[in-house]
Amino acid sequence: MDAGTFWVDLAGTAPEPRALDVRWIHGSPSAKHNTDPDIQVHAYDRHTYILRQNMAVDYEAPFLFLLFGNAQAVLIDTGATASAEFFPLRRVIDELVDGWLARHPRERYHLLVLHTHPHGDHIAGDPQFSDRPDTTVVGADLATTRKYFGFDEDPDAVAQVDLGGRVLECLATPGHHEAAVTFYDPWTGFLLTGDTVYPGRLYIQDWPAFARSIDRLIEFSDRRPVTHVLGCHIEMTRQPGVDYPIRTTFQPDEPPLQLTTGHLHDIRAAIREVGDDRPSRRAFPDFVLCPSDPPRD
């Protein structure tokens, strides 16, 4: 940290639960009538942003997370579209970083790009940051993530990423994908679960590994204050057990993004109920178990 730089207190007290009553952009009945921005930006607090990609750009409409610390910010996932023309992620992130630095001046500041897993709708925007100064993009593949977080030496480790007074805890949570990582942010109390847990179709590549990861998240959350469990998609409707069809680009009846630690227990109970049958699809009120890889174009 530069001499004389003001240190923002991002540690200490337990996180205060904040409301997350957001009307997320959810597409439109026709592309020509779409007036939503390419990327929606929600300021959860002065140091935390949640972004959503427009469904008109890509039907996956993933959520991304930008967290600021005193020494660096981290962008978790980069969305489903590589083209900066259609998905100007770099420009939006630069504007948010510049705005934060205007309020908290520093001579040097770093951007770290991490991922919840390497499926294309979470890493496509990586090239936009390849030539950005003071930026590190960590690959999402298994070998890279295992080495970066130290999971190659201890797959059950709780790795730490220090943003400067804001230390994320990181867990390997395979099941949806072998390289899946979950992030816990003690400042907000967010548990960022990627595609492992979210209100939608939980595609399970490895059933036993997925069950172990859910058990681990339950145990982990029992020992930490979790305010919101945040995945990277919304695919359910507000009607219990009913999801939008795959490749839907208009979802006017979405439930909230945020889940609770209680939903982790619901998923574990659903796994027990299904047992070893591992059906192609099994719907529950707030999610659908789909033991297969997600479809992509």
Protein backbone atom coordinates (compact mmCIF):
# COMPACT_ATOMS: atom_id res chain seq x y z
CA MET A 1 0.00 0.00 0.00
CA ASP A 2 1.32 3.44 -0.93
CA ALA A 3 2.49 5.74 1.85
CA GLY A 4 -0.32 7.99 2.98
CA THR A 5 -3.03 5.91 1.32
CA PHE A 6 -6.26 5.78 3.31
CA TRP A 7 -6.97 2.22 4.50
CA VAL A 8 -10.62 1.21 4.17
CA ASP A 9 -11.75 -0.96 7.07
CA LEU A 10 -13.15 -4.05 5.35
CA ALA A 11 -12.75 -6.50 8.20
CA GLY A 12 -13.65 -6.81 11.84
CA THR A 13 -17.38 -6.85 12.52
CA ALA A 14 -19.77 -9.52 11.29
CA PRO A 15 -21.45 -8.70 7.96
CA GLU A 16 -24.75 -6.85 8.13
CA PRO A 17 -27.43 -8.54 6.03
CA ARG A 18 -28.63 -6.10 3.37
CA ALA A 19 -31.75 -6.40 1.30
CA LEU A 20 -31.22 -7.61 -2.24
CA ASP A 21 -34.60 -6.63 -3.66
CA VAL A 22 -33.40 -6.06 -7.21
CA ARG A 23 -35.39 -6.18 -10.43
CA TRP A 24 -32.79 -7.84 -12.61
CA ILE A 25 -32.85 -7.33 -16.35
CA HIS A 26 -34.61 -10.40 -17.69
CA GLY A 27 -34.87 -10.00 -21.46
CA SER A 28 -37.79 -8.84 -23.57
CA PRO A 29 -40.44 -10.51 -25.78
CA SER A 30 -38.57 -9.38 -28.88
CA ALA A 31 -34.99 -8.34 -29.55
CA LYS A 32 -36.06 -5.15 -31.33
CA HIS A 33 -37.93 -4.03 -28.20
CA ASN A 34 -35.01 -4.71 -25.88
CA THR A 35 -33.93 -1.50 -24.14
CA ASP A 36 -31.97 -3.03 -21.28
CA PRO A 37 -28.26 -2.30 -20.99
CA ASP A 38 -25.82 -4.96 -22.15
CA ILE A 39 -24.70 -5.28 -18.53
CA GLN A 40 -26.75 -4.39 -15.47
CA VAL A 41 -24.72 -3.07 -12.53
CA HIS A 42 -26.07 -3.22 -8.99
CA ALA A 43 -24.11 -1.60 -6.17
CA TYR A 44 -24.69 -3.84 -3.17
CA ASP A 45 -22.54 -1.49 -1.11
CA ARG A 46 -19.69 0.96 -1.77
CA HIS A 47 -17.19 -1.84 -2.27
CA THR A 48 -19.30 -4.62 -3.85
CA TYR A 49 -21.03 -4.86 -7.23
CA ILE A 50 -23.22 -7.52 -8.81
CA LEU A 51 -23.47 -7.53 -12.60
CA ARG A 52 -25.82 -9.37 -14.92
CA GLN A 53 -25.39 -9.96 -18.63
CA ASN A 54 -28.35 -9.12 -20.84
CA MET A 55 -30.30 -12.11 -22.17
CA ALA A 56 -30.45 -10.39 -25.55
CA VAL A 57 -26.66 -10.80 -25.72
CA ASP A 58 -26.64 -14.40 -24.48
CA TYR A 59 -29.50 -16.48 -23.11
CA GLU A 60 -27.36 -17.71 -20.21
CA ALA A 61 -27.53 -14.20 -18.68
CA PRO A 62 -24.86 -15.00 -16.08
CA PHE A 63 -24.16 -12.96 -12.97
CA LEU A 64 -20.65 -11.65 -12.24
CA PHE A 65 -19.22 -10.20 -9.04
CA LEU A 66 -16.77 -7.34 -8.50
CA LEU A 67 -15.31 -6.97 -4.99
CA PHE A 68 -12.95 -4.17 -3.94
CA GLY A 69 -10.17 -4.40 -1.38
CA ASN A 70 -7.48 -1.95 -0.40
CA ALA A 71 -4.81 -3.42 -2.68
CA GLN A 72 -6.81 -5.01 -5.47
CA ALA A 73 -10.26 -5.80 -6.77
CA VAL A 74 -11.42 -9.22 -7.90
CA LEU A 75 -13.79 -9.91 -10.77
CA ILE A 76 -15.36 -13.33 -10.41
CA ASP A 77 -16.31 -14.69 -13.85
CA THR A 78 -16.35 -12.79 -17.14
CA GLY A 79 -19.63 -13.77 -18.76
CA ALA A 80 -20.77 -15.58 -21.87
CA THR A 81 -19.63 -13.29 -24.70
CA ALA A 82 -16.12 -12.51 -25.90
CA SER A 83 -16.90 -9.51 -28.10
CA ALA A 84 -16.46 -6.16 -26.38
CA GLU A 85 -18.75 -4.65 -29.03
CA PHE A 86 -21.72 -6.70 -27.87
CA PHE A 87 -20.63 -7.22 -24.27
CA PRO A 88 -18.46 -4.27 -23.10
CA LEU A 89 -17.35 -5.87 -19.84
CA ARG A 90 -13.87 -4.33 -19.84
CA ARG A 91 -15.30 -0.82 -20.25
CA VAL A 92 -17.85 -1.33 -17.46
CA ILE A 93 -15.25 -2.77 -15.07
CA ASP A 94 -12.80 0.04 -15.88
CA GLU A 95 -15.50 2.61 -15.10
CA LEU A 96 -16.31 0.96 -11.78
CA VAL A 97 -12.63 0.69 -10.83
CA ASP A 98 -11.99 4.31 -11.84
CA GLY A 99 -14.98 5.41 -9.77
CA TRP A 100 -13.80 3.49 -6.72
CA LEU A 101 -10.28 4.89 -7.05
CA ALA A 102 -11.66 8.43 -7.33
CA ARG A 103 -13.23 7.91 -3.91
CA HIS A 104 -10.25 5.98 -2.51
CA PRO A 105 -7.15 7.27 -4.32
CA ARG A 106 -4.13 5.00 -4.74
CA GLU A 107 -1.10 5.28 -6.97
CA ARG A 108 -1.23 1.58 -7.80
CA TYR A 109 -4.17 -0.79 -7.90
CA HIS A 110 -4.50 -4.34 -9.22
CA LEU A 111 -7.36 -6.26 -10.81
CA LEU A 112 -7.55 -10.01 -10.28
CA VAL A 113 -9.85 -12.12 -12.45
CA LEU A 114 -10.98 -15.45 -11.00
CA HIS A 115 -13.70 -17.92 -12.00
CA THR A 116 -16.27 -20.21 -10.46
CA HIS A 117 -15.57 -22.83 -13.17
CA PRO A 118 -14.43 -23.03 -16.80
CA HIS A 119 -17.70 -23.40 -18.72
CA GLY A 120 -17.87 -20.98 -21.63
CA ASP A 121 -20.57 -18.73 -20.17
CA HIS A 122 -18.23 -17.89 -17.28
CA ILE A 123 -14.91 -17.31 -19.07
CA ALA A 124 -15.77 -15.92 -22.52
CA GLY A 125 -14.91 -12.33 -21.56
CA ASP A 126 -11.38 -13.18 -20.38
CA PRO A 127 -9.66 -11.91 -23.55
CA GLN A 128 -11.00 -8.42 -22.89
CA PHE A 129 -8.59 -8.23 -19.94
CA SER A 130 -5.54 -9.84 -21.54
CA ASP A 131 -3.84 -6.50 -22.25
CA ARG A 132 -5.20 -4.55 -19.28
CA PRO A 133 -2.38 -3.08 -17.15
CA ASP A 134 -2.00 -4.25 -13.55
CA THR A 135 -4.29 -7.21 -14.18
CA THR A 136 -3.94 -10.95 -13.53
CA VAL A 137 -6.33 -13.37 -15.22
CA VAL A 138 -6.15 -16.78 -13.56
CA GLY A 139 -7.20 -19.60 -15.85
CA ALA A 140 -10.27 -21.58 -14.86
CA ASP A 141 -9.05 -25.02 -15.91
CA LEU A 142 -8.47 -27.70 -13.29
CA ALA A 143 -4.67 -27.71 -13.38
CA THR A 144 -4.44 -23.92 -13.06
CA THR A 145 -7.00 -23.54 -10.30
CA ARG A 146 -5.58 -26.44 -8.29
CA LYS A 147 -2.13 -24.87 -8.37
CA TYR A 148 -3.29 -21.28 -7.77
CA PHE A 149 -5.43 -22.11 -4.74
CA GLY A 150 -3.20 -24.90 -3.44
CA PHE A 151 -5.83 -27.57 -4.00
CA ASP A 152 -3.24 -29.73 -5.74
CA GLU A 153 -1.56 -30.27 -2.37
CA ASP A 154 -4.75 -30.34 -0.30
CA PRO A 155 -8.09 -30.56 -2.12
CA ASP A 156 -9.90 -29.89 1.16
CA ALA A 157 -7.97 -26.71 1.91
CA VAL A 158 -9.70 -23.40 2.50
CA ALA A 159 -7.55 -21.09 0.40
CA GLN A 160 -7.36 -17.36 1.03
CA VAL A 161 -7.20 -14.50 -1.46
CA ASP A 162 -6.30 -11.21 0.22
CA LEU A 163 -7.65 -8.16 -1.59
CA GLY A 164 -6.13 -5.89 1.05
CA GLY A 165 -8.06 -6.09 4.31
CA ARG A 166 -10.75 -8.18 2.61
CA VAL A 167 -9.76 -11.83 2.59
CA LEU A 168 -11.85 -14.23 0.54
CA GLU A 169 -12.05 -17.89 1.50
CA CYS A 170 -12.06 -20.29 -1.42
CA LEU A 171 -13.15 -23.93 -1.54
CA ALA A 172 -12.92 -26.58 -4.22
CA THR A 173 -16.51 -27.70 -4.81
CA PRO A 174 -16.48 -30.23 -7.67
CA GLY A 175 -19.63 -31.91 -8.90
CA HIS A 176 -21.05 -29.50 -11.44
CA HIS A 177 -17.53 -29.30 -12.85
CA GLU A 178 -14.31 -30.82 -11.56
CA ALA A 179 -12.68 -27.37 -11.33
CA ALA A 180 -15.59 -25.60 -9.59
CA VAL A 181 -14.66 -23.14 -6.83
CA THR A 182 -16.90 -21.46 -4.24
CA PHE A 183 -15.92 -18.10 -2.72
CA TYR A 184 -16.89 -16.72 0.68
CA ASP A 185 -16.61 -12.98 1.30
CA PRO A 186 -16.54 -12.09 5.01
CA TRP A 187 -17.25 -8.40 4.30
CA THR A 188 -20.69 -9.01 2.79
CA GLY A 189 -21.30 -12.55 4.00
CA PHE A 190 -21.79 -13.66 0.38
CA LEU A 191 -21.31 -17.33 -0.44
CA LEU A 192 -20.64 -17.27 -4.19
CA THR A 193 -21.48 -20.73 -5.47
CA GLY A 194 -21.24 -20.37 -9.26
CA ASP A 195 -23.32 -23.09 -10.93
CA THR A 196 -23.15 -25.43 -7.94
CA VAL A 197 -26.11 -23.79 -6.18
CA TYR A 198 -28.55 -21.33 -7.73
CA PRO A 199 -32.30 -21.07 -8.47
CA GLY A 200 -32.28 -23.21 -11.57
CA ARG A 201 -31.10 -26.43 -13.16
CA LEU A 202 -28.23 -27.89 -11.15
CA TYR A 203 -26.33 -29.87 -13.77
CA ILE A 204 -24.35 -32.57 -11.99
CA GLN A 205 -21.36 -34.04 -13.78
CA ASP A 206 -20.15 -36.12 -10.83
CA TRP A 207 -22.92 -37.17 -8.45
CA PRO A 208 -20.81 -38.34 -5.46
CA ALA A 209 -18.54 -35.29 -5.72
CA PHE A 210 -21.56 -32.98 -5.86
CA ALA A 211 -23.04 -34.55 -2.73
CA ARG A 212 -19.72 -34.15 -0.90
CA SER A 213 -19.47 -30.51 -2.01
CA ILE A 214 -22.96 -29.74 -0.70
CA ASP A 215 -22.05 -31.38 2.61
CA ARG A 216 -18.91 -29.29 2.74
CA LEU A 217 -20.77 -26.05 2.02
CA ILE A 218 -23.23 -26.85 4.80
CA GLU A 219 -20.43 -27.49 7.27
CA PHE A 220 -18.53 -24.39 6.11
CA SER A 221 -21.60 -22.16 6.38
CA ASP A 222 -22.44 -23.44 9.86
CA ARG A 223 -19.23 -21.81 11.09
CA ARG A 224 -19.56 -18.46 9.29
CA PRO A 225 -22.17 -15.72 8.97
CA VAL A 226 -23.67 -16.17 5.50
CA THR A 227 -26.07 -13.44 4.42
CA HIS A 228 -26.83 -14.59 0.86
CA VAL A 229 -26.04 -17.67 -1.20
CA LEU A 230 -25.48 -16.29 -4.70
CA GLY A 231 -25.10 -18.43 -7.79
CA CYS A 232 -24.58 -17.26 -11.37
CA HIS A 233 -27.98 -17.81 -13.00
CA ILE A 234 -31.73 -17.62 -12.51
CA GLU A 235 -33.64 -20.32 -14.40
CA MET A 236 -36.66 -20.96 -12.18
CA THR A 237 -40.02 -19.23 -12.37
CA ARG A 238 -41.88 -18.09 -9.27
CA GLN A 239 -44.05 -21.19 -9.60
CA PRO A 240 -42.48 -23.86 -7.36
CA GLY A 241 -40.71 -26.57 -9.32
CA VAL A 242 -41.17 -24.90 -12.70
CA ASP A 243 -38.15 -23.63 -14.64
CA TYR A 244 -37.95 -21.62 -17.83
CA PRO A 245 -37.14 -23.66 -20.96
CA ILE A 246 -33.49 -23.87 -21.97
CA ARG A 247 -32.37 -20.94 -24.17
CA THR A 248 -35.23 -18.73 -22.96
CA THR A 249 -34.47 -15.05 -23.57
CA PHE A 250 -37.45 -13.53 -21.72
CA GLN A 251 -38.03 -14.38 -18.06
CA PRO A 252 -40.55 -11.88 -16.65
CA ASP A 253 -41.48 -14.05 -13.65
CA GLU A 254 -38.07 -14.71 -12.12
CA PRO A 255 -37.60 -15.42 -8.41
CA PRO A 256 -34.79 -13.61 -6.54
CA LEU A 257 -31.19 -14.57 -7.27
CA GLN A 258 -30.34 -14.99 -3.61
CA LEU A 259 -30.83 -18.25 -1.78
CA THR A 260 -30.15 -19.08 1.87
CA THR A 261 -28.12 -21.67 3.71
CA GLY A 262 -31.43 -23.45 4.23
CA HIS A 263 -31.44 -24.19 0.52
CA LEU A 264 -28.15 -26.06 0.94
CA HIS A 265 -29.96 -28.38 3.33
CA ASP A 266 -32.86 -28.66 0.84
CA ILE A 267 -30.45 -29.74 -1.89
CA ARG A 268 -28.85 -32.29 0.42
CA ALA A 269 -32.28 -33.67 1.31
CA ALA A 270 -33.15 -33.85 -2.40
CA ILE A 271 -29.96 -35.82 -3.08
CA ARG A 272 -30.91 -38.28 -0.35
CA GLU A 273 -34.44 -38.55 -1.72
CA VAL A 274 -33.20 -39.30 -5.22
CA GLY A 275 -30.66 -41.79 -3.89
CA ASP A 276 -28.64 -43.76 -6.39
CA ASP A 277 -31.27 -43.62 -9.14
CA ARG A 278 -29.74 -40.42 -10.52
CA PRO A 279 -32.65 -39.58 -12.86
CA SER A 280 -32.20 -37.43 -15.93
CA ARG A 281 -34.22 -34.71 -14.24
CA ARG A 282 -35.95 -34.19 -10.87
CA ALA A 283 -37.69 -30.93 -10.01
CA PHE A 284 -37.93 -29.47 -6.51
CA PRO A 285 -39.55 -26.17 -5.47
CA ASP A 286 -36.48 -23.92 -5.87
CA PHE A 287 -34.16 -25.94 -8.12
CA VAL A 288 -33.98 -28.88 -10.51
CA LEU A 289 -31.45 -31.71 -10.23
CA CYS A 290 -30.10 -32.59 -13.67
CA PRO A 291 -27.34 -35.21 -13.55
CA SER A 292 -25.72 -34.33 -16.86
CA ASP A 293 -23.64 -31.61 -18.47
CA PRO A 294 -25.43 -28.35 -19.33
CA PRO A 295 -26.33 -27.98 -23.01
CA ARG A 296 -24.41 -25.36 -24.99
CA ASP A 297 -24.62 -24.22 -28.60
